[in-house]
Amino acid sequence: MTKKKPFPLRIDHELYAVLEQWAQEEFRSVNSHIEYLLREAAKRAGRLGKGKTDQKRS
């Protein structure tokens, strides 16, 4: 099991509402949806791949 590093995140209320609805539609918590979106962005940017932690999460 991968250890997760907790950290505070300040986010605009409007953006949070969008993320909250989006996460609900994807059957995820807001936290796991933010992690999913960041992971996908890192993959597309070529920053996450072979030799790095690259586990599918929901």
PDB file of N, CA and C in Angstrom:
ATOM      1  N   MET A   1       0.837  -1.182   0.000  1.00  0.00           N
ATOM      2  CA  MET A   1       0.000   0.000   0.000  1.00  0.00           C
ATOM      3  C   MET A   1       0.881   1.244   0.000  1.00  0.00           C
ATOM      4  N   THR A   2       0.552   2.183  -0.839  1.00  0.00           N
ATOM      5  CA  THR A   2       1.318   3.406  -0.963  1.00  0.00           C
ATOM      6  C   THR A   2       0.966   4.374   0.161  1.00  0.00           C
ATOM      7  N   LYS A   3       1.997   4.955   0.782  1.00  0.00           N
ATOM      8  CA  LYS A   3       1.762   5.987   1.792  1.00  0.00           C
ATOM      9  C   LYS A   3       1.370   7.271   1.080  1.00  0.00           C
ATOM     10  N   LYS A   4       0.469   7.992   1.677  1.00  0.00           N
ATOM     11  CA  LYS A   4       0.038   9.268   1.108  1.00  0.00           C
ATOM     12  C   LYS A   4       0.468  10.394   2.022  1.00  0.00           C
ATOM     13  N   LYS A   5       0.891  11.479   1.427  1.00  0.00           N
ATOM     14  CA  LYS A   5       1.330  12.638   2.187  1.00  0.00           C
ATOM     15  C   LYS A   5       0.170  13.627   2.297  1.00  0.00           C
ATOM     16  N   PRO A   6      -0.314  13.865   3.492  1.00  0.00           N
ATOM     17  CA  PRO A   6      -1.380  14.845   3.658  1.00  0.00           C
ATOM     18  C   PRO A   6      -0.835  16.271   3.575  1.00  0.00           C
ATOM     19  N   PHE A   7      -1.612  17.159   2.973  1.00  0.00           N
ATOM     20  CA  PHE A   7      -1.241  18.566   2.955  1.00  0.00           C
ATOM     21  C   PHE A   7      -2.497  19.406   2.762  1.00  0.00           C
ATOM     22  N   PRO A   8      -2.508  20.610   3.299  1.00  0.00           N
ATOM     23  CA  PRO A   8      -3.685  21.479   3.142  1.00  0.00           C
ATOM     24  C   PRO A   8      -3.749  22.034   1.720  1.00  0.00           C
ATOM     25  N   LEU A   9      -4.941  22.226   1.235  1.00  0.00           N
ATOM     26  CA  LEU A   9      -5.143  22.770  -0.098  1.00  0.00           C
ATOM     27  C   LEU A   9      -6.179  23.879  -0.018  1.00  0.00           C
ATOM     28  N   ARG A  10      -5.778  25.061  -0.414  1.00  0.00           N
ATOM     29  CA  ARG A  10      -6.727  26.170  -0.470  1.00  0.00           C
ATOM     30  C   ARG A  10      -7.228  26.250  -1.903  1.00  0.00           C
ATOM     31  N   ILE A  11      -8.535  26.273  -2.053  1.00  0.00           N
ATOM     32  CA  ILE A  11      -9.119  26.256  -3.382  1.00  0.00           C
ATOM     33  C   ILE A  11     -10.354  27.156  -3.408  1.00  0.00           C
ATOM     34  N   ASP A  12     -10.550  27.816  -4.515  1.00  0.00           N
ATOM     35  CA  ASP A  12     -11.684  28.707  -4.722  1.00  0.00           C
ATOM     36  C   ASP A  12     -12.999  27.938  -4.513  1.00  0.00           C
ATOM     37  N   HIS A  13     -13.973  28.570  -3.887  1.00  0.00           N
ATOM     38  CA  HIS A  13     -15.258  27.925  -3.595  1.00  0.00           C
ATOM     39  C   HIS A  13     -15.963  27.452  -4.860  1.00  0.00           C
ATOM     40  N   GLU A  14     -15.929  28.271  -5.894  1.00  0.00           N
ATOM     41  CA  GLU A  14     -16.592  27.907  -7.149  1.00  0.00           C
ATOM     42  C   GLU A  14     -15.934  26.673  -7.779  1.00  0.00           C
ATOM     43  N   LEU A  15     -14.613  26.644  -7.795  1.00  0.00           N
ATOM     44  CA  LEU A  15     -13.898  25.495  -8.346  1.00  0.00           C
ATOM     45  C   LEU A  15     -14.166  24.254  -7.498  1.00  0.00           C
ATOM     46  N   TYR A  16     -14.217  24.406  -6.194  1.00  0.00           N
ATOM     47  CA  TYR A  16     -14.511  23.264  -5.330  1.00  0.00           C
ATOM     48  C   TYR A  16     -15.894  22.685  -5.644  1.00  0.00           C
ATOM     49  N   ALA A  17     -16.869  23.556  -5.865  1.00  0.00           N
ATOM     50  CA  ALA A  17     -18.217  23.096  -6.188  1.00  0.00           C
ATOM     51  C   ALA A  17     -18.217  22.299  -7.489  1.00  0.00           C
ATOM     52  N   VAL A  18     -17.454  22.763  -8.469  1.00  0.00           N
ATOM     53  CA  VAL A  18     -17.334  22.040  -9.741  1.00  0.00           C
ATOM     54  C   VAL A  18     -16.710  20.670  -9.501  1.00  0.00           C
ATOM     55  N   LEU A  19     -15.618  20.642  -8.740  1.00  0.00           N
ATOM     56  CA  LEU A  19     -14.943  19.376  -8.442  1.00  0.00           C
ATOM     57  C   LEU A  19     -15.842  18.426  -7.651  1.00  0.00           C
ATOM     58  N   GLU A  20     -16.598  18.979  -6.727  1.00  0.00           N
ATOM     59  CA  GLU A  20     -17.492  18.165  -5.907  1.00  0.00           C
ATOM     60  C   GLU A  20     -18.547  17.474  -6.778  1.00  0.00           C
ATOM     61  N   GLN A  21     -19.153  18.213  -7.684  1.00  0.00           N
ATOM     62  CA  GLN A  21     -20.160  17.640  -8.578  1.00  0.00           C
ATOM     63  C   GLN A  21     -19.536  16.614  -9.515  1.00  0.00           C
ATOM     64  N   TRP A  22     -18.382  16.957 -10.068  1.00  0.00           N
ATOM     65  CA  TRP A  22     -17.671  16.074 -10.991  1.00  0.00           C
ATOM     66  C   TRP A  22     -17.294  14.758 -10.294  1.00  0.00           C
ATOM     67  N   ALA A  23     -16.767  14.860  -9.089  1.00  0.00           N
ATOM     68  CA  ALA A  23     -16.391  13.678  -8.315  1.00  0.00           C
ATOM     69  C   ALA A  23     -17.610  12.799  -8.050  1.00  0.00           C
ATOM     70  N   GLN A  24     -18.708  13.423  -7.707  1.00  0.00           N
ATOM     71  CA  GLN A  24     -19.933  12.672  -7.432  1.00  0.00           C
ATOM     72  C   GLN A  24     -20.370  11.903  -8.682  1.00  0.00           C
ATOM     73  N   GLU A  25     -20.283  12.530  -9.840  1.00  0.00           N
ATOM     74  CA  GLU A  25     -20.654  11.880 -11.103  1.00  0.00           C
ATOM     75  C   GLU A  25     -19.734  10.702 -11.434  1.00  0.00           C
ATOM     76  N   GLU A  26     -18.491  10.760 -10.955  1.00  0.00           N
ATOM     77  CA  GLU A  26     -17.505   9.703 -11.209  1.00  0.00           C
ATOM     78  C   GLU A  26     -17.431   8.698 -10.052  1.00  0.00           C
ATOM     79  N   PHE A  27     -18.325   8.848  -9.061  1.00  0.00           N
ATOM     80  CA  PHE A  27     -18.377   7.968  -7.889  1.00  0.00           C
ATOM     81  C   PHE A  27     -17.054   7.957  -7.124  1.00  0.00           C
ATOM     82  N   ARG A  28     -16.490   9.151  -6.938  1.00  0.00           N
ATOM     83  CA  ARG A  28     -15.254   9.313  -6.167  1.00  0.00           C
ATOM     84  C   ARG A  28     -15.483  10.376  -5.103  1.00  0.00           C
ATOM     85  N   SER A  29     -14.586  10.385  -4.119  1.00  0.00           N
ATOM     86  CA  SER A  29     -14.572  11.501  -3.178  1.00  0.00           C
ATOM     87  C   SER A  29     -13.876  12.663  -3.878  1.00  0.00           C
ATOM     88  N   VAL A  30     -14.059  13.862  -3.365  1.00  0.00           N
ATOM     89  CA  VAL A  30     -13.383  15.021  -3.959  1.00  0.00           C
ATOM     90  C   VAL A  30     -11.873  14.819  -3.881  1.00  0.00           C
ATOM     91  N   ASN A  31     -11.385  14.341  -2.751  1.00  0.00           N
ATOM     92  CA  ASN A  31      -9.954  14.126  -2.576  1.00  0.00           C
ATOM     93  C   ASN A  31      -9.407  13.141  -3.617  1.00  0.00           C
ATOM     94  N   SER A  32     -10.078  12.005  -3.782  1.00  0.00           N
ATOM     95  CA  SER A  32      -9.575  11.020  -4.738  1.00  0.00           C
ATOM     96  C   SER A  32      -9.720  11.512  -6.167  1.00  0.00           C
ATOM     97  N   HIS A  33     -10.720  12.343  -6.443  1.00  0.00           N
ATOM     98  CA  HIS A  33     -10.873  12.883  -7.795  1.00  0.00           C
ATOM     99  C   HIS A  33      -9.768  13.896  -8.104  1.00  0.00           C
ATOM    100  N   ILE A  34      -9.420  14.719  -7.149  1.00  0.00           N
ATOM    101  CA  ILE A  34      -8.308  15.654  -7.340  1.00  0.00           C
ATOM    102  C   ILE A  34      -7.025  14.874  -7.599  1.00  0.00           C
ATOM    103  N   GLU A  35      -6.783  13.817  -6.824  1.00  0.00           N
ATOM    104  CA  GLU A  35      -5.592  12.987  -7.037  1.00  0.00           C
ATOM    105  C   GLU A  35      -5.623  12.352  -8.430  1.00  0.00           C
ATOM    106  N   TYR A  36      -6.787  11.855  -8.841  1.00  0.00           N
ATOM    107  CA  TYR A  36      -6.938  11.253 -10.169  1.00  0.00           C
ATOM    108  C   TYR A  36      -6.605  12.280 -11.266  1.00  0.00           C
ATOM    109  N   LEU A  37      -7.168  13.479 -11.154  1.00  0.00           N
ATOM    110  CA  LEU A  37      -6.922  14.517 -12.163  1.00  0.00           C
ATOM    111  C   LEU A  37      -5.450  14.914 -12.218  1.00  0.00           C
ATOM    112  N   LEU A  38      -4.818  15.040 -11.065  1.00  0.00           N
ATOM    113  CA  LEU A  38      -3.393  15.383 -11.030  1.00  0.00           C
ATOM    114  C   LEU A  38      -2.540  14.267 -11.626  1.00  0.00           C
ATOM    115  N   ARG A  39      -2.892  13.024 -11.322  1.00  0.00           N
ATOM    116  CA  ARG A  39      -2.158  11.872 -11.858  1.00  0.00           C
ATOM    117  C   ARG A  39      -2.279  11.822 -13.383  1.00  0.00           C
ATOM    118  N   GLU A  40      -3.486  12.029 -13.899  1.00  0.00           N
ATOM    119  CA  GLU A  40      -3.693  12.020 -15.358  1.00  0.00           C
ATOM    120  C   GLU A  40      -2.918  13.161 -16.030  1.00  0.00           C
ATOM    121  N   ALA A  41      -2.912  14.332 -15.415  1.00  0.00           N
ATOM    122  CA  ALA A  41      -2.160  15.463 -15.966  1.00  0.00           C
ATOM    123  C   ALA A  41      -0.660  15.171 -15.971  1.00  0.00           C
ATOM    124  N   ALA A  42      -0.165  14.545 -14.913  1.00  0.00           N
ATOM    125  CA  ALA A  42       1.258  14.196 -14.835  1.00  0.00           C
ATOM    126  C   ALA A  42       1.620  13.160 -15.896  1.00  0.00           C
ATOM    127  N   LYS A  43       0.722  12.205 -16.138  1.00  0.00           N
ATOM    128  CA  LYS A  43       0.960  11.210 -17.194  1.00  0.00           C
ATOM    129  C   LYS A  43       1.033  11.878 -18.563  1.00  0.00           C
ATOM    130  N   ARG A  44       0.063  12.747 -18.857  1.00  0.00           N
ATOM    131  CA  ARG A  44       0.030  13.434 -20.161  1.00  0.00           C
ATOM    132  C   ARG A  44       1.266  14.302 -20.369  1.00  0.00           C
ATOM    133  N   ALA A  45       1.783  14.841 -19.292  1.00  0.00           N
ATOM    134  CA  ALA A  45       2.971  15.696 -19.376  1.00  0.00           C
ATOM    135  C   ALA A  45       4.262  14.885 -19.427  1.00  0.00           C
ATOM    136  N   GLY A  46       4.141  13.561 -19.337  1.00  0.00           N
ATOM    137  CA  GLY A  46       5.318  12.705 -19.365  1.00  0.00           C
ATOM    138  C   GLY A  46       6.123  12.727 -18.084  1.00  0.00           C
ATOM    139  N   ARG A  47       5.496  13.122 -17.017  1.00  0.00           N
ATOM    140  CA  ARG A  47       6.191  13.211 -15.726  1.00  0.00           C
ATOM    141  C   ARG A  47       5.940  11.996 -14.841  1.00  0.00           C
ATOM    142  N   LEU A  48       5.042  11.132 -15.262  1.00  0.00           N
ATOM    143  CA  LEU A  48       4.708   9.950 -14.490  1.00  0.00           C
ATOM    144  C   LEU A  48       4.617   8.798 -15.471  1.00  0.00           C
ATOM    145  N   GLY A  49       5.434   7.815 -15.257  1.00  0.00           N
ATOM    146  CA  GLY A  49       5.418   6.695 -16.194  1.00  0.00           C
ATOM    147  C   GLY A  49       6.281   5.572 -15.696  1.00  0.00           C
ATOM    148  N   LYS A  50       6.953   4.903 -16.612  1.00  0.00           N
ATOM    149  CA  LYS A  50       7.789   3.763 -16.275  1.00  0.00           C
ATOM    150  C   LYS A  50       8.837   4.145 -15.239  1.00  0.00           C
ATOM    151  N   GLY A  51       8.972   3.267 -14.250  1.00  0.00           N
ATOM    152  CA  GLY A  51       9.966   3.495 -13.207  1.00  0.00           C
ATOM    153  C   GLY A  51       9.479   4.424 -12.103  1.00  0.00           C
ATOM    154  N   LYS A  52       8.294   4.962 -12.273  1.00  0.00           N
ATOM    155  CA  LYS A  52       7.719   5.844 -11.263  1.00  0.00           C
ATOM    156  C   LYS A  52       6.427   5.229 -10.778  1.00  0.00           C
ATOM    157  N   THR A  53       5.941   5.677  -9.635  1.00  0.00           N
ATOM    158  CA  THR A  53       4.697   5.141  -9.114  1.00  0.00           C
ATOM    159  C   THR A  53       3.589   5.482 -10.089  1.00  0.00           C
ATOM    160  N   ASP A  54       3.022   4.448 -10.688  1.00  0.00           N
ATOM    161  CA  ASP A  54       1.998   4.631 -11.702  1.00  0.00           C
ATOM    162  C   ASP A  54       0.901   3.596 -11.509  1.00  0.00           C
ATOM    163  N   GLN A  55       0.144   3.747 -10.454  1.00  0.00           N
ATOM    164  CA  GLN A  55      -0.905   2.807 -10.139  1.00  0.00           C
ATOM    165  C   GLN A  55      -2.246   3.434 -10.423  1.00  0.00           C
ATOM    166  N   LYS A  56      -3.134   2.639 -11.027  1.00  0.00           N
ATOM    167  CA  LYS A  56      -4.481   3.131 -11.293  1.00  0.00           C
ATOM    168  C   LYS A  56      -5.238   3.213  -9.977  1.00  0.00           C
ATOM    169  N   ARG A  57      -5.873   4.322  -9.740  1.00  0.00           N
ATOM    170  CA  ARG A  57      -6.640   4.532  -8.527  1.00  0.00           C
ATOM    171  C   ARG A  57      -8.016   5.021  -8.894  1.00  0.00           C
ATOM    172  N   SER A  58      -8.945   4.785  -8.005  1.00  0.00           N
ATOM    173  CA  SER A  58     -10.296   5.293  -8.229  1.00  0.00           C
ATOM    174  C   SER A  58     -10.737   6.135  -7.077  1.00  0.00           C
TER     175      SER A  58
END
